[in-house]
N, C-alpha and C. Protein backbone atom coordinates (compact mmCIF):
# COMPACT_ATOMS: atom_id res chain seq x y z
N UNK A 1 0.16 -15.30 -9.64
CA UNK A 1 -0.34 -13.93 -9.35
C UNK A 1 -0.39 -13.80 -7.75
N UNK A 2 0.13 -12.61 -7.35
CA UNK A 2 0.07 -12.28 -5.93
C UNK A 2 -0.74 -11.05 -5.76
N UNK A 3 -1.76 -11.13 -4.91
CA UNK A 3 -2.74 -9.95 -4.74
C UNK A 3 -2.54 -9.46 -3.35
N UNK A 4 -2.48 -8.16 -3.24
CA UNK A 4 -2.43 -7.34 -1.97
C UNK A 4 -3.67 -6.50 -2.07
N UNK A 5 -4.49 -6.47 -0.94
CA UNK A 5 -5.68 -5.78 -0.77
C UNK A 5 -5.44 -4.67 0.30
N UNK A 6 -5.70 -3.35 -0.06
CA UNK A 6 -5.48 -2.41 0.88
C UNK A 6 -6.77 -1.44 1.06
N UNK A 7 -6.88 -0.90 2.25
CA UNK A 7 -8.02 -0.04 2.55
C UNK A 7 -7.45 1.32 2.97
N UNK A 8 -7.96 2.39 2.28
CA UNK A 8 -7.51 3.69 2.52
C UNK A 8 -5.96 3.96 2.40
N UNK A 9 -5.48 3.25 1.33
CA UNK A 9 -4.03 3.34 1.04
C UNK A 9 -3.86 3.44 -0.45
N UNK A 10 -2.72 3.62 -1.00
CA UNK A 10 -2.46 3.54 -2.45
C UNK A 10 -2.17 2.25 -2.95
N UNK A 11 -2.39 2.05 -4.17
CA UNK A 11 -2.18 0.76 -5.04
C UNK A 11 -0.65 0.56 -4.99
N UNK A 12 0.01 1.80 -5.12
CA UNK A 12 1.64 1.68 -5.09
C UNK A 12 2.06 1.09 -3.91
N UNK A 13 1.53 1.47 -2.82
CA UNK A 13 2.13 0.89 -1.54
C UNK A 13 1.70 -0.59 -1.40
N UNK A 14 0.71 -1.08 -2.09
CA UNK A 14 0.48 -2.51 -2.07
C UNK A 14 1.63 -3.31 -2.93
N UNK A 15 1.83 -2.76 -4.01
CA UNK A 15 2.92 -3.37 -4.91
C UNK A 15 4.42 -3.38 -4.11
N UNK A 16 4.59 -2.34 -3.51
CA UNK A 16 5.80 -2.20 -2.66
C UNK A 16 5.83 -3.10 -1.69
N UNK A 17 4.75 -3.42 -0.93
CA UNK A 17 4.65 -4.22 0.24
C UNK A 17 4.96 -5.61 -0.27
N UNK A 18 4.29 -6.02 -1.45
CA UNK A 18 4.62 -7.41 -1.97
C UNK A 18 6.15 -7.57 -2.16
N UNK A 19 6.80 -6.62 -2.69
CA UNK A 19 8.23 -6.63 -3.01
C UNK A 19 9.07 -6.62 -1.65
N UNK A 20 8.67 -5.73 -0.81
CA UNK A 20 9.56 -5.55 0.53
C UNK A 20 9.45 -6.67 1.36
N UNK A 21 8.28 -7.43 1.51
CA UNK A 21 7.94 -8.49 2.39
C UNK A 21 8.17 -9.96 1.77
N UNK A 22 8.82 -9.81 0.46
CA UNK A 22 9.35 -11.07 -0.28
C UNK A 22 8.09 -12.09 -0.34
N UNK A 23 7.01 -11.58 -0.63
CA UNK A 23 5.77 -12.55 -0.83
C UNK A 23 5.84 -13.66 -1.92
N UNK A 24 6.90 -13.20 -2.88
CA UNK A 24 7.11 -14.34 -3.96
C UNK A 24 7.96 -15.34 -3.51
N UNK A 25 8.46 -15.46 -2.26
CA UNK A 25 9.37 -16.55 -1.78
C UNK A 25 8.37 -17.91 -1.98
N UNK A 26 9.04 -18.80 -2.49
CA UNK A 26 8.31 -20.13 -2.77
C UNK A 26 7.78 -20.25 -3.99
N UNK A 27 7.76 -18.96 -4.81
CA UNK A 27 7.16 -19.11 -6.11
C UNK A 27 8.24 -18.94 -7.26
N UNK A 28 9.47 -19.12 -6.82
CA UNK A 28 10.59 -18.90 -7.85
C UNK A 28 10.47 -19.55 -9.15
N UNK A 29 9.89 -20.67 -9.32
CA UNK A 29 9.76 -21.40 -10.55
C UNK A 29 8.74 -20.63 -11.50
N UNK A 30 7.89 -19.61 -10.86
CA UNK A 30 7.05 -18.93 -11.81
C UNK A 30 7.43 -17.35 -11.94
N UNK A 31 8.67 -17.00 -11.59
CA UNK A 31 9.05 -15.67 -11.69
C UNK A 31 8.81 -15.06 -13.17
N UNK A 32 9.08 -15.93 -14.12
CA UNK A 32 8.94 -15.46 -15.50
C UNK A 32 7.51 -14.95 -15.85
N UNK A 33 6.45 -15.45 -15.13
CA UNK A 33 5.11 -15.25 -15.46
C UNK A 33 4.39 -14.67 -14.25
N UNK A 34 5.10 -14.20 -13.33
CA UNK A 34 4.38 -13.81 -11.96
C UNK A 34 3.92 -12.31 -12.16
N UNK A 35 2.64 -12.11 -11.79
CA UNK A 35 1.99 -10.88 -11.77
C UNK A 35 1.82 -10.35 -10.29
N UNK A 36 2.04 -9.03 -10.12
CA UNK A 36 1.75 -8.57 -8.76
C UNK A 36 0.55 -7.61 -8.88
N UNK A 37 -0.42 -7.86 -7.99
CA UNK A 37 -1.78 -7.09 -8.13
C UNK A 37 -2.00 -6.43 -6.95
N UNK A 38 -2.33 -5.11 -6.89
CA UNK A 38 -2.75 -4.44 -5.72
C UNK A 38 -3.98 -3.76 -5.93
N UNK A 39 -4.97 -3.98 -5.10
CA UNK A 39 -6.42 -3.47 -5.13
C UNK A 39 -6.64 -2.58 -3.88
N UNK A 40 -7.00 -1.45 -4.09
CA UNK A 40 -7.22 -0.46 -2.99
C UNK A 40 -8.61 -0.04 -2.98
N UNK A 41 -9.23 0.16 -1.70
CA UNK A 41 -10.48 0.60 -1.56
C UNK A 41 -10.53 1.82 -0.59
N UNK A 42 -11.19 3.06 -1.07
CA UNK A 42 -11.31 4.04 -0.19
C UNK A 42 -12.62 4.12 0.50
N UNK A 43 -12.61 3.96 1.69
CA UNK A 43 -14.04 4.00 2.48
C UNK A 43 -14.69 5.35 2.33
N UNK A 44 -14.10 6.30 2.29
CA UNK A 44 -14.77 7.65 2.19
C UNK A 44 -15.45 7.93 0.72
N UNK A 45 -14.66 7.73 -0.18
CA UNK A 45 -15.14 8.02 -1.58
C UNK A 45 -15.79 6.72 -2.32
N UNK A 46 -15.59 5.60 -1.63
CA UNK A 46 -16.15 4.33 -2.08
C UNK A 46 -15.58 3.98 -3.51
N UNK A 47 -14.24 4.38 -3.71
CA UNK A 47 -13.54 4.07 -5.01
C UNK A 47 -12.70 2.98 -4.87
N UNK A 48 -12.63 2.17 -5.87
CA UNK A 48 -11.71 1.05 -6.02
C UNK A 48 -10.50 1.39 -6.95
N UNK A 49 -9.37 1.10 -6.78
CA UNK A 49 -8.22 1.39 -7.74
C UNK A 49 -7.60 -0.02 -7.77
N UNK A 50 -6.97 -0.29 -8.98
CA UNK A 50 -6.25 -1.47 -9.16
C UNK A 50 -4.91 -1.27 -10.02
N UNK A 51 -3.78 -1.97 -9.61
CA UNK A 51 -2.53 -1.83 -10.28
C UNK A 51 -2.03 -3.24 -10.47
N UNK A 52 -1.68 -3.58 -11.73
CA UNK A 52 -0.90 -4.77 -12.07
C UNK A 52 0.34 -4.67 -12.60
N UNK A 53 1.29 -5.31 -12.17
CA UNK A 53 2.62 -5.14 -12.49
C UNK A 53 3.29 -6.56 -12.60
N UNK A 54 4.23 -6.72 -13.49
CA UNK A 54 5.10 -7.82 -13.74
C UNK A 54 6.21 -7.91 -12.69
N UNK A 55 6.50 -9.07 -12.36
CA UNK A 55 7.65 -9.13 -11.27
C UNK A 55 8.89 -8.76 -12.11
N UNK A 56 9.56 -7.87 -11.49
CA UNK A 56 10.80 -7.35 -12.05
C UNK A 56 11.93 -7.55 -11.17
């Protein structure tokens, strides 16, 4: 599992950041079971969002 935490940003941008910056490098043997998780917190509304995706 790779987790990206964001503040005042979208959960989609967290998933994209994981992919663009190649965070999975070094985890090649786990690619079949790798989950990408993005958690975002909005300071103004105090709302958390989460998105979970399989590595594709």
